[in-house]
mmCIF file of all heavy atoms, coordinates in Angstrom:
data_MODEL
# 
_entry.id   MODEL 
# 
loop_
_atom_site.group_PDB 
_atom_site.id 
_atom_site.type_symbol 
_atom_site.label_atom_id 
_atom_site.label_alt_id 
_atom_site.label_comp_id 
_atom_site.label_asym_id 
_atom_site.label_entity_id 
_atom_site.label_seq_id 
_atom_site.pdbx_PDB_ins_code 
_atom_site.Cartn_x 
_atom_site.Cartn_y 
_atom_site.Cartn_z 
_atom_site.occupancy 
_atom_site.B_iso_or_equiv 
_atom_site.pdbx_formal_charge 
_atom_site.auth_seq_id 
_atom_site.auth_comp_id 
_atom_site.auth_asym_id 
_atom_site.auth_atom_id 
_atom_site.pdbx_PDB_model_num 
ATOM 1   N N   . PRO A 1 1  ? 9.259  24.220 -79.181 1.00 0.00 ? 1  PRO A N   1 
ATOM 2   C CA  . PRO A 1 1  ? 10.616 24.654 -79.116 1.00 0.00 ? 1  PRO A CA  1 
ATOM 3   C C   . PRO A 1 1  ? 11.099 25.151 -77.789 1.00 0.00 ? 1  PRO A C   1 
ATOM 4   O O   . PRO A 1 1  ? 10.296 25.618 -77.013 1.00 0.00 ? 1  PRO A O   1 
ATOM 5   C CB  . PRO A 1 1  ? 10.663 25.766 -80.192 1.00 0.00 ? 1  PRO A CB  1 
ATOM 6   C CG  . PRO A 1 1  ? 9.256  26.277 -80.209 1.00 0.00 ? 1  PRO A CG  1 
ATOM 7   C CD  . PRO A 1 1  ? 8.338  25.133 -79.867 1.00 0.00 ? 1  PRO A CD  1 
ATOM 8   N N   . GLY A 1 2  ? 12.403 25.090 -77.625 1.00 0.00 ? 2  GLY A N   1 
ATOM 9   C CA  . GLY A 1 2  ? 13.005 25.589 -76.379 1.00 0.00 ? 2  GLY A CA  1 
ATOM 10  C C   . GLY A 1 2  ? 13.884 26.763 -76.675 1.00 0.00 ? 2  GLY A C   1 
ATOM 11  O O   . GLY A 1 2  ? 14.055 27.274 -77.927 1.00 0.00 ? 2  GLY A O   1 
ATOM 12  N N   . GLN A 1 3  ? 14.574 27.256 -75.693 1.00 0.00 ? 3  GLN A N   1 
ATOM 13  C CA  . GLN A 1 3  ? 15.448 28.468 -75.884 1.00 0.00 ? 3  GLN A CA  1 
ATOM 14  C C   . GLN A 1 3  ? 16.860 28.129 -76.424 1.00 0.00 ? 3  GLN A C   1 
ATOM 15  O O   . GLN A 1 3  ? 17.467 28.973 -77.154 1.00 0.00 ? 3  GLN A O   1 
ATOM 16  C CB  . GLN A 1 3  ? 15.586 29.179 -74.555 1.00 0.00 ? 3  GLN A CB  1 
ATOM 17  C CG  . GLN A 1 3  ? 14.300 29.782 -74.030 1.00 0.00 ? 3  GLN A CG  1 
ATOM 18  C CD  . GLN A 1 3  ? 13.693 30.832 -74.893 1.00 0.00 ? 3  GLN A CD  1 
ATOM 19  O OE1 . GLN A 1 3  ? 14.390 31.673 -75.484 1.00 0.00 ? 3  GLN A OE1 1 
ATOM 20  N NE2 . GLN A 1 3  ? 12.394 30.797 -75.125 1.00 0.00 ? 3  GLN A NE2 1 
ATOM 21  N N   . GLU A 1 4  ? 17.306 26.920 -76.133 1.00 0.00 ? 4  GLU A N   1 
ATOM 22  C CA  . GLU A 1 4  ? 18.672 26.498 -76.600 1.00 0.00 ? 4  GLU A CA  1 
ATOM 23  C C   . GLU A 1 4  ? 18.586 26.108 -78.061 1.00 0.00 ? 4  GLU A C   1 
ATOM 24  O O   . GLU A 1 4  ? 17.543 25.615 -78.563 1.00 0.00 ? 4  GLU A O   1 
ATOM 25  C CB  . GLU A 1 4  ? 19.191 25.370 -75.719 1.00 0.00 ? 4  GLU A CB  1 
ATOM 26  C CG  . GLU A 1 4  ? 19.286 25.696 -74.241 1.00 0.00 ? 4  GLU A CG  1 
ATOM 27  C CD  . GLU A 1 4  ? 20.248 26.822 -73.937 1.00 0.00 ? 4  GLU A CD  1 
ATOM 28  O OE1 . GLU A 1 4  ? 21.189 27.096 -74.693 1.00 0.00 ? 4  GLU A OE1 1 
ATOM 29  O OE2 . GLU A 1 4  ? 20.008 27.626 -72.997 1.00 0.00 ? 4  GLU A OE2 1 
ATOM 30  N N   . LEU A 1 5  ? 19.766 26.162 -78.744 1.00 0.00 ? 5  LEU A N   1 
ATOM 31  C CA  . LEU A 1 5  ? 19.769 25.868 -80.193 1.00 0.00 ? 5  LEU A CA  1 
ATOM 32  C C   . LEU A 1 5  ? 19.331 24.445 -80.498 1.00 0.00 ? 5  LEU A C   1 
ATOM 33  O O   . LEU A 1 5  ? 18.597 24.155 -81.376 1.00 0.00 ? 5  LEU A O   1 
ATOM 34  C CB  . LEU A 1 5  ? 21.097 26.084 -80.762 1.00 0.00 ? 5  LEU A CB  1 
ATOM 35  C CG  . LEU A 1 5  ? 21.349 25.814 -82.209 1.00 0.00 ? 5  LEU A CG  1 
ATOM 36  C CD1 . LEU A 1 5  ? 20.434 26.656 -83.087 1.00 0.00 ? 5  LEU A CD1 1 
ATOM 37  C CD2 . LEU A 1 5  ? 22.802 26.043 -82.692 1.00 0.00 ? 5  LEU A CD2 1 
ATOM 38  N N   . TYR A 1 6  ? 19.864 23.546 -79.608 1.00 0.00 ? 6  TYR A N   1 
ATOM 39  C CA  . TYR A 1 6  ? 19.542 22.095 -79.879 1.00 0.00 ? 6  TYR A CA  1 
ATOM 40  C C   . TYR A 1 6  ? 18.011 21.834 -79.658 1.00 0.00 ? 6  TYR A C   1 
ATOM 41  O O   . TYR A 1 6  ? 17.542 20.792 -80.168 1.00 0.00 ? 6  TYR A O   1 
ATOM 42  C CB  . TYR A 1 6  ? 20.307 21.139 -78.932 1.00 0.00 ? 6  TYR A CB  1 
ATOM 43  C CG  . TYR A 1 6  ? 19.930 21.243 -77.412 1.00 0.00 ? 6  TYR A CG  1 
ATOM 44  C CD1 . TYR A 1 6  ? 18.881 20.513 -76.934 1.00 0.00 ? 6  TYR A CD1 1 
ATOM 45  C CD2 . TYR A 1 6  ? 20.619 22.185 -76.584 1.00 0.00 ? 6  TYR A CD2 1 
ATOM 46  C CE1 . TYR A 1 6  ? 18.524 20.647 -75.533 1.00 0.00 ? 6  TYR A CE1 1 
ATOM 47  C CE2 . TYR A 1 6  ? 20.223 22.280 -75.251 1.00 0.00 ? 6  TYR A CE2 1 
ATOM 48  C CZ  . TYR A 1 6  ? 19.239 21.453 -74.757 1.00 0.00 ? 6  TYR A CZ  1 
ATOM 49  O OH  . TYR A 1 6  ? 18.868 21.594 -73.476 1.00 0.00 ? 6  TYR A OH  1 
ATOM 50  N N   . SER A 1 7  ? 17.215 22.657 -78.991 1.00 0.00 ? 7  SER A N   1 
ATOM 51  C CA  . SER A 1 7  ? 15.847 22.453 -78.768 1.00 0.00 ? 7  SER A CA  1 
ATOM 52  C C   . SER A 1 7  ? 14.967 23.430 -79.567 1.00 0.00 ? 7  SER A C   1 
ATOM 53  O O   . SER A 1 7  ? 13.755 23.427 -79.348 1.00 0.00 ? 7  SER A O   1 
ATOM 54  C CB  . SER A 1 7  ? 15.456 22.647 -77.303 1.00 0.00 ? 7  SER A CB  1 
ATOM 55  O OG  . SER A 1 7  ? 15.832 23.918 -76.821 1.00 0.00 ? 7  SER A OG  1 
ATOM 56  N N   . THR A 1 8  ? 15.573 24.241 -80.428 1.00 0.00 ? 8  THR A N   1 
ATOM 57  C CA  . THR A 1 8  ? 14.928 25.318 -81.159 1.00 0.00 ? 8  THR A CA  1 
ATOM 58  C C   . THR A 1 8  ? 13.768 24.697 -82.001 1.00 0.00 ? 8  THR A C   1 
ATOM 59  O O   . THR A 1 8  ? 12.724 25.392 -82.234 1.00 0.00 ? 8  THR A O   1 
ATOM 60  C CB  . THR A 1 8  ? 15.831 26.075 -82.040 1.00 0.00 ? 8  THR A CB  1 
ATOM 61  O OG1 . THR A 1 8  ? 16.770 26.745 -81.214 1.00 0.00 ? 8  THR A OG1 1 
ATOM 62  C CG2 . THR A 1 8  ? 15.122 27.096 -82.907 1.00 0.00 ? 8  THR A CG2 1 
ATOM 63  N N   . PHE A 1 9  ? 13.921 23.569 -82.528 1.00 0.00 ? 9  PHE A N   1 
ATOM 64  C CA  . PHE A 1 9  ? 13.054 22.987 -83.519 1.00 0.00 ? 9  PHE A CA  1 
ATOM 65  C C   . PHE A 1 9  ? 11.998 22.077 -82.908 1.00 0.00 ? 9  PHE A C   1 
ATOM 66  O O   . PHE A 1 9  ? 11.186 21.507 -83.674 1.00 0.00 ? 9  PHE A O   1 
ATOM 67  C CB  . PHE A 1 9  ? 13.761 22.242 -84.592 1.00 0.00 ? 9  PHE A CB  1 
ATOM 68  C CG  . PHE A 1 9  ? 14.885 23.097 -85.279 1.00 0.00 ? 9  PHE A CG  1 
ATOM 69  C CD1 . PHE A 1 9  ? 16.143 23.040 -84.887 1.00 0.00 ? 9  PHE A CD1 1 
ATOM 70  C CD2 . PHE A 1 9  ? 14.525 24.074 -86.252 1.00 0.00 ? 9  PHE A CD2 1 
ATOM 71  C CE1 . PHE A 1 9  ? 17.170 23.852 -85.434 1.00 0.00 ? 9  PHE A CE1 1 
ATOM 72  C CE2 . PHE A 1 9  ? 15.438 24.821 -86.845 1.00 0.00 ? 9  PHE A CE2 1 
ATOM 73  C CZ  . PHE A 1 9  ? 16.785 24.734 -86.402 1.00 0.00 ? 9  PHE A CZ  1 
ATOM 74  N N   . GLY A 1 10 ? 11.962 21.884 -81.576 1.00 0.00 ? 10 GLY A N   1 
ATOM 75  C CA  . GLY A 1 10 ? 11.004 20.974 -80.894 1.00 0.00 ? 10 GLY A CA  1 
ATOM 76  C C   . GLY A 1 10 ? 11.421 19.513 -80.983 1.00 0.00 ? 10 GLY A C   1 
ATOM 77  O O   . GLY A 1 10 ? 12.658 19.249 -81.091 1.00 0.00 ? 10 GLY A O   1 
ATOM 78  N N   . HIS A 1 11 ? 10.560 18.649 -80.607 1.00 0.00 ? 11 HIS A N   1 
ATOM 79  C CA  . HIS A 1 11 ? 10.893 17.227 -80.426 1.00 0.00 ? 11 HIS A CA  1 
ATOM 80  C C   . HIS A 1 11 ? 9.716  16.338 -80.662 1.00 0.00 ? 11 HIS A C   1 
ATOM 81  O O   . HIS A 1 11 ? 8.517  16.714 -80.548 1.00 0.00 ? 11 HIS A O   1 
ATOM 82  C CB  . HIS A 1 11 ? 11.445 17.078 -78.983 1.00 0.00 ? 11 HIS A CB  1 
ATOM 83  C CG  . HIS A 1 11 ? 12.012 15.725 -78.783 1.00 0.00 ? 11 HIS A CG  1 
ATOM 84  N ND1 . HIS A 1 11 ? 13.035 15.194 -79.614 1.00 0.00 ? 11 HIS A ND1 1 
ATOM 85  C CD2 . HIS A 1 11 ? 11.763 14.709 -77.871 1.00 0.00 ? 11 HIS A CD2 1 
ATOM 86  C CE1 . HIS A 1 11 ? 13.382 14.037 -79.138 1.00 0.00 ? 11 HIS A CE1 1 
ATOM 87  N NE2 . HIS A 1 11 ? 12.585 13.674 -78.158 1.00 0.00 ? 11 HIS A NE2 1 
ATOM 88  N N   . SER A 1 12 ? 9.948  15.102 -81.149 1.00 0.00 ? 12 SER A N   1 
ATOM 89  C CA  . SER A 1 12 ? 8.899  14.116 -81.317 1.00 0.00 ? 12 SER A CA  1 
ATOM 90  C C   . SER A 1 12 ? 9.289  12.785 -80.646 1.00 0.00 ? 12 SER A C   1 
ATOM 91  O O   . SER A 1 12 ? 10.527 12.505 -80.552 1.00 0.00 ? 12 SER A O   1 
ATOM 92  C CB  . SER A 1 12 ? 8.708  13.877 -82.764 1.00 0.00 ? 12 SER A CB  1 
ATOM 93  O OG  . SER A 1 12 ? 8.287  14.992 -83.453 1.00 0.00 ? 12 SER A OG  1 
ATOM 94  N N   . ALA A 1 13 ? 8.333  12.023 -80.192 1.00 0.00 ? 13 ALA A N   1 
ATOM 95  C CA  . ALA A 1 13 ? 8.611  10.723 -79.546 1.00 0.00 ? 13 ALA A CA  1 
ATOM 96  C C   . ALA A 1 13 ? 7.334  9.920  -79.499 1.00 0.00 ? 13 ALA A C   1 
ATOM 97  O O   . ALA A 1 13 ? 6.198  10.402 -79.819 1.00 0.00 ? 13 ALA A O   1 
ATOM 98  C CB  . ALA A 1 13 ? 9.086  10.995 -78.129 1.00 0.00 ? 13 ALA A CB  1 
ATOM 99  N N   . PHE A 1 14 ? 7.487  8.641  -79.241 1.00 0.00 ? 14 PHE A N   1 
ATOM 100 C CA  . PHE A 1 14 ? 6.402  7.737  -79.103 1.00 0.00 ? 14 PHE A CA  1 
ATOM 101 C C   . PHE A 1 14 ? 6.053  7.598  -77.591 1.00 0.00 ? 14 PHE A C   1 
ATOM 102 O O   . PHE A 1 14 ? 6.965  7.570  -76.750 1.00 0.00 ? 14 PHE A O   1 
ATOM 103 C CB  . PHE A 1 14 ? 6.653  6.298  -79.702 1.00 0.00 ? 14 PHE A CB  1 
ATOM 104 C CG  . PHE A 1 14 ? 6.573  6.259  -81.151 1.00 0.00 ? 14 PHE A CG  1 
ATOM 105 C CD1 . PHE A 1 14 ? 7.749  6.233  -81.911 1.00 0.00 ? 14 PHE A CD1 1 
ATOM 106 C CD2 . PHE A 1 14 ? 5.365  6.248  -81.816 1.00 0.00 ? 14 PHE A CD2 1 
ATOM 107 C CE1 . PHE A 1 14 ? 7.672  6.125  -83.336 1.00 0.00 ? 14 PHE A CE1 1 
ATOM 108 C CE2 . PHE A 1 14 ? 5.296  6.155  -83.268 1.00 0.00 ? 14 PHE A CE2 1 
ATOM 109 C CZ  . PHE A 1 14 ? 6.481  6.080  -83.964 1.00 0.00 ? 14 PHE A CZ  1 
ATOM 110 N N   . ARG A 1 15 ? 4.828  7.409  -77.217 1.00 0.00 ? 15 ARG A N   1 
ATOM 111 C CA  . ARG A 1 15 ? 4.410  7.193  -75.807 1.00 0.00 ? 15 ARG A CA  1 
ATOM 112 C C   . ARG A 1 15 ? 3.600  5.877  -75.809 1.00 0.00 ? 15 ARG A C   1 
ATOM 113 O O   . ARG A 1 15 ? 2.673  5.719  -76.550 1.00 0.00 ? 15 ARG A O   1 
ATOM 114 C CB  . ARG A 1 15 ? 3.625  8.323  -75.263 1.00 0.00 ? 15 ARG A CB  1 
ATOM 115 C CG  . ARG A 1 15 ? 3.149  8.167  -73.819 1.00 0.00 ? 15 ARG A CG  1 
ATOM 116 C CD  . ARG A 1 15 ? 2.198  9.174  -73.320 1.00 0.00 ? 15 ARG A CD  1 
ATOM 117 N NE  . ARG A 1 15 ? 1.871  9.048  -71.926 1.00 0.00 ? 15 ARG A NE  1 
ATOM 118 C CZ  . ARG A 1 15 ? 0.916  9.802  -71.311 1.00 0.00 ? 15 ARG A CZ  1 
ATOM 119 N NH1 . ARG A 1 15 ? 0.290  10.759 -72.004 1.00 0.00 ? 15 ARG A NH1 1 
ATOM 120 N NH2 . ARG A 1 15 ? 0.664  9.577  -70.057 1.00 0.00 ? 15 ARG A NH2 1 
ATOM 121 N N   . LEU A 1 16 ? 3.966  5.039  -74.855 1.00 0.00 ? 16 LEU A N   1 
ATOM 122 C CA  . LEU A 1 16 ? 3.205  3.712  -74.651 1.00 0.00 ? 16 LEU A CA  1 
ATOM 123 C C   . LEU A 1 16 ? 2.548  3.722  -73.296 1.00 0.00 ? 16 LEU A C   1 
ATOM 124 O O   . LEU A 1 16 ? 3.276  3.972  -72.260 1.00 0.00 ? 16 LEU A O   1 
ATOM 125 C CB  . LEU A 1 16 ? 4.139  2.494  -74.742 1.00 0.00 ? 16 LEU A CB  1 
ATOM 126 C CG  . LEU A 1 16 ? 3.540  1.206  -74.301 1.00 0.00 ? 16 LEU A CG  1 
ATOM 127 C CD1 . LEU A 1 16 ? 2.439  0.706  -75.221 1.00 0.00 ? 16 LEU A CD1 1 
ATOM 128 C CD2 . LEU A 1 16 ? 4.662  0.105  -74.124 1.00 0.00 ? 16 LEU A CD2 1 
ATOM 129 N N   . GLN A 1 17 ? 1.291  3.511  -73.233 1.00 0.00 ? 17 GLN A N   1 
ATOM 130 C CA  . GLN A 1 17 ? 0.583  3.435  -72.022 1.00 0.00 ? 17 GLN A CA  1 
ATOM 131 C C   . GLN A 1 17 ? -0.257 2.141  -71.885 1.00 0.00 ? 17 GLN A C   1 
ATOM 132 O O   . GLN A 1 17 ? -0.801 1.681  -72.907 1.00 0.00 ? 17 GLN A O   1 
ATOM 133 C CB  . GLN A 1 17 ? -0.457 4.591  -71.825 1.00 0.00 ? 17 GLN A CB  1 
ATOM 134 C CG  . GLN A 1 17 ? 0.098  5.997  -71.968 1.00 0.00 ? 17 GLN A CG  1 
ATOM 135 C CD  . GLN A 1 17 ? -1.038 7.037  -71.982 1.00 0.00 ? 17 GLN A CD  1 
ATOM 136 O OE1 . GLN A 1 17 ? -1.578 7.382  -70.979 1.00 0.00 ? 17 GLN A OE1 1 
ATOM 137 N NE2 . GLN A 1 17 ? -1.290 7.546  -73.158 1.00 0.00 ? 17 GLN A NE2 1 
ATOM 138 N N   . ASP A 1 18 ? -0.084 1.504  -70.760 1.00 0.00 ? 18 ASP A N   1 
ATOM 139 C CA  . ASP A 1 18 ? -0.908 0.215  -70.452 1.00 0.00 ? 18 ASP A CA  1 
ATOM 140 C C   . ASP A 1 18 ? -1.298 0.366  -68.990 1.00 0.00 ? 18 ASP A C   1 
ATOM 141 O O   . ASP A 1 18 ? -0.539 0.026  -68.048 1.00 0.00 ? 18 ASP A O   1 
ATOM 142 C CB  . ASP A 1 18 ? -0.115 -1.020 -70.715 1.00 0.00 ? 18 ASP A CB  1 
ATOM 143 C CG  . ASP A 1 18 ? -0.996 -2.187 -70.715 1.00 0.00 ? 18 ASP A CG  1 
ATOM 144 O OD1 . ASP A 1 18 ? -1.967 -2.277 -69.960 1.00 0.00 ? 18 ASP A OD1 1 
ATOM 145 O OD2 . ASP A 1 18 ? -0.676 -3.232 -71.433 1.00 0.00 ? 18 ASP A OD2 1 
ATOM 146 N N   . PRO A 1 19 ? -2.500 0.870  -68.720 1.00 0.00 ? 19 PRO A N   1 
ATOM 147 C CA  . PRO A 1 19 ? -2.950 1.101  -67.353 1.00 0.00 ? 19 PRO A CA  1 
ATOM 148 C C   . PRO A 1 19 ? -3.086 -0.230 -66.556 1.00 0.00 ? 19 PRO A C   1 
ATOM 149 O O   . PRO A 1 19 ? -2.928 -0.247 -65.390 1.00 0.00 ? 19 PRO A O   1 
ATOM 150 C CB  . PRO A 1 19 ? -4.379 1.719  -67.554 1.00 0.00 ? 19 PRO A CB  1 
ATOM 151 C CG  . PRO A 1 19 ? -4.804 1.378  -68.918 1.00 0.00 ? 19 PRO A CG  1 
ATOM 152 C CD  . PRO A 1 19 ? -3.553 1.285  -69.674 1.00 0.00 ? 19 PRO A CD  1 
ATOM 153 N N   . VAL A 1 20 ? -3.342 -1.377 -67.259 1.00 0.00 ? 20 VAL A N   1 
ATOM 154 C CA  . VAL A 1 20 ? -3.482 -2.624 -66.606 1.00 0.00 ? 20 VAL A CA  1 
ATOM 155 C C   . VAL A 1 20 ? -2.031 -3.005 -65.977 1.00 0.00 ? 20 VAL A C   1 
ATOM 156 O O   . VAL A 1 20 ? -1.946 -3.517 -64.885 1.00 0.00 ? 20 VAL A O   1 
ATOM 157 C CB  . VAL A 1 20 ? -3.972 -3.684 -67.517 1.00 0.00 ? 20 VAL A CB  1 
ATOM 158 C CG1 . VAL A 1 20 ? -3.991 -5.074 -66.873 1.00 0.00 ? 20 VAL A CG1 1 
ATOM 159 C CG2 . VAL A 1 20 ? -5.342 -3.367 -67.974 1.00 0.00 ? 20 VAL A CG2 1 
ATOM 160 N N   . LEU A 1 21 ? -1.021 -2.902 -66.816 1.00 0.00 ? 21 LEU A N   1 
ATOM 161 C CA  . LEU A 1 21 ? 0.358  -3.241 -66.369 1.00 0.00 ? 21 LEU A CA  1 
ATOM 162 C C   . LEU A 1 21 ? 1.088  -2.090 -65.726 1.00 0.00 ? 21 LEU A C   1 
ATOM 163 O O   . LEU A 1 21 ? 2.177  -2.425 -65.242 1.00 0.00 ? 21 LEU A O   1 
ATOM 164 C CB  . LEU A 1 21 ? 1.179  -3.715 -67.597 1.00 0.00 ? 21 LEU A CB  1 
ATOM 165 C CG  . LEU A 1 21 ? 0.661  -4.915 -68.332 1.00 0.00 ? 21 LEU A CG  1 
ATOM 166 C CD1 . LEU A 1 21 ? 1.569  -5.289 -69.510 1.00 0.00 ? 21 LEU A CD1 1 
ATOM 167 C CD2 . LEU A 1 21 ? 0.492  -6.087 -67.423 1.00 0.00 ? 21 LEU A CD2 1 
ATOM 168 N N   . GLY A 1 22 ? 0.473  -0.906 -65.650 1.00 0.00 ? 22 GLY A N   1 
ATOM 169 C CA  . GLY A 1 22 ? 1.133  0.235  -65.000 1.00 0.00 ? 22 GLY A CA  1 
ATOM 170 C C   . GLY A 1 22 ? 2.298  0.774  -65.780 1.00 0.00 ? 22 GLY A C   1 
ATOM 171 O O   . GLY A 1 22 ? 3.268  1.213  -65.221 1.00 0.00 ? 22 GLY A O   1 
ATOM 172 N N   . ILE A 1 23 ? 2.247  0.636  -67.076 1.00 0.00 ? 23 ILE A N   1 
ATOM 173 C CA  . ILE A 1 23 ? 3.281  1.107  -67.977 1.00 0.00 ? 23 ILE A CA  1 
ATOM 174 C C   . ILE A 1 23 ? 2.938  2.543  -68.523 1.00 0.00 ? 23 ILE A C   1 
ATOM 175 O O   . ILE A 1 23 ? 1.813  2.660  -69.014 1.00 0.00 ? 23 ILE A O   1 
ATOM 176 C CB  . ILE A 1 23 ? 3.543  0.181  -69.111 1.00 0.00 ? 23 ILE A CB  1 
ATOM 177 C CG1 . ILE A 1 23 ? 4.039  -1.238 -68.549 1.00 0.00 ? 23 ILE A CG1 1 
ATOM 178 C CG2 . ILE A 1 23 ? 4.567  0.675  -70.099 1.00 0.00 ? 23 ILE A CG2 1 
ATOM 179 C CD1 . ILE A 1 23 ? 4.183  -2.261 -69.593 1.00 0.00 ? 23 ILE A CD1 1 
ATOM 180 N N   . ASP A 1 24 ? 3.849  3.382  -68.434 1.00 0.00 ? 24 ASP A N   1 
ATOM 181 C CA  . ASP A 1 24 ? 3.686  4.703  -69.065 1.00 0.00 ? 24 ASP A CA  1 
ATOM 182 C C   . ASP A 1 24 ? 5.071  5.180  -69.409 1.00 0.00 ? 24 ASP A C   1 
ATOM 183 O O   . ASP A 1 24 ? 5.738  5.844  -68.625 1.00 0.00 ? 24 ASP A O   1 
ATOM 184 C CB  . ASP A 1 24 ? 2.929  5.688  -68.240 1.00 0.00 ? 24 ASP A CB  1 
ATOM 185 C CG  . ASP A 1 24 ? 2.504  6.937  -68.925 1.00 0.00 ? 24 ASP A CG  1 
ATOM 186 O OD1 . ASP A 1 24 ? 2.870  7.114  -70.160 1.00 0.00 ? 24 ASP A OD1 1 
ATOM 187 O OD2 . ASP A 1 24 ? 1.849  7.851  -68.350 1.00 0.00 ? 24 ASP A OD2 1 
ATOM 188 N N   . VAL A 1 25 ? 5.577  4.938  -70.679 1.00 0.00 ? 25 VAL A N   1 
ATOM 189 C CA  . VAL A 1 25 ? 6.955  5.280  -70.996 1.00 0.00 ? 25 VAL A CA  1 
ATOM 190 C C   . VAL A 1 25 ? 6.980  5.915  -72.378 1.00 0.00 ? 25 VAL A C   1 
ATOM 191 O O   . VAL A 1 25 ? 6.058  5.918  -73.153 1.00 0.00 ? 25 VAL A O   1 
ATOM 192 C CB  . VAL A 1 25 ? 7.715  3.883  -71.073 1.00 0.00 ? 25 VAL A CB  1 
ATOM 193 C CG1 . VAL A 1 25 ? 7.898  3.245  -69.695 1.00 0.00 ? 25 VAL A CG1 1 
ATOM 194 C CG2 . VAL A 1 25 ? 7.209  3.032  -72.102 1.00 0.00 ? 25 VAL A CG2 1 
ATOM 195 N N   . VAL A 1 26 ? 8.130  6.540  -72.606 1.00 0.00 ? 26 VAL A N   1 
ATOM 196 C CA  . VAL A 1 26 ? 8.340  7.332  -73.821 1.00 0.00 ? 26 VAL A CA  1 
ATOM 197 C C   . VAL A 1 26 ? 9.567  6.649  -74.506 1.00 0.00 ? 26 VAL A C   1 
ATOM 198 O O   . VAL A 1 26 ? 10.625 6.448  -73.951 1.00 0.00 ? 26 VAL A O   1 
ATOM 199 C CB  . VAL A 1 26 ? 8.612  8.812  -73.608 1.00 0.00 ? 26 VAL A CB  1 
ATOM 200 C CG1 . VAL A 1 26 ? 9.125  9.469  -74.859 1.00 0.00 ? 26 VAL A CG1 1 
ATOM 201 C CG2 . VAL A 1 26 ? 7.353  9.472  -73.093 1.00 0.00 ? 26 VAL A CG2 1 
ATOM 202 N N   . TYR A 1 27 ? 9.439  6.402  -75.824 1.00 0.00 ? 27 TYR A N   1 
ATOM 203 C CA  . TYR A 1 27 ? 10.505 5.960  -76.629 1.00 0.00 ? 27 TYR A CA  1 
ATOM 204 C C   . TYR A 1 27 ? 11.063 7.174  -77.451 1.00 0.00 ? 27 TYR A C   1 
ATOM 205 O O   . TYR A 1 27 ? 10.328 7.776  -78.247 1.00 0.00 ? 27 TYR A O   1 
ATOM 206 C CB  . TYR A 1 27 ? 10.070 4.900  -77.623 1.00 0.00 ? 27 TYR A CB  1 
ATOM 207 C CG  . TYR A 1 27 ? 9.698  3.573  -76.952 1.00 0.00 ? 27 TYR A CG  1 
ATOM 208 C CD1 . TYR A 1 27 ? 8.392  3.337  -76.524 1.00 0.00 ? 27 TYR A CD1 1 
ATOM 209 C CD2 . TYR A 1 27 ? 10.601 2.603  -76.797 1.00 0.00 ? 27 TYR A CD2 1 
ATOM 210 C CE1 . TYR A 1 27 ? 8.020  2.131  -75.873 1.00 0.00 ? 27 TYR A CE1 1 
ATOM 211 C CE2 . TYR A 1 27 ? 10.294 1.370  -76.129 1.00 0.00 ? 27 TYR A CE2 1 
ATOM 212 C CZ  . TYR A 1 27 ? 9.034  1.111  -75.731 1.00 0.00 ? 27 TYR A CZ  1 
ATOM 213 O OH  . TYR A 1 27 ? 8.661  -0.013 -75.094 1.00 0.00 ? 27 TYR A OH  1 
# 
């Protein structure tokens, strides 16, 4: 969680990593 109301409850996301292709992104 963060200090602001919109961030009070935390956050969730997907992360994709492919070291061969050099990809490291978040959906």
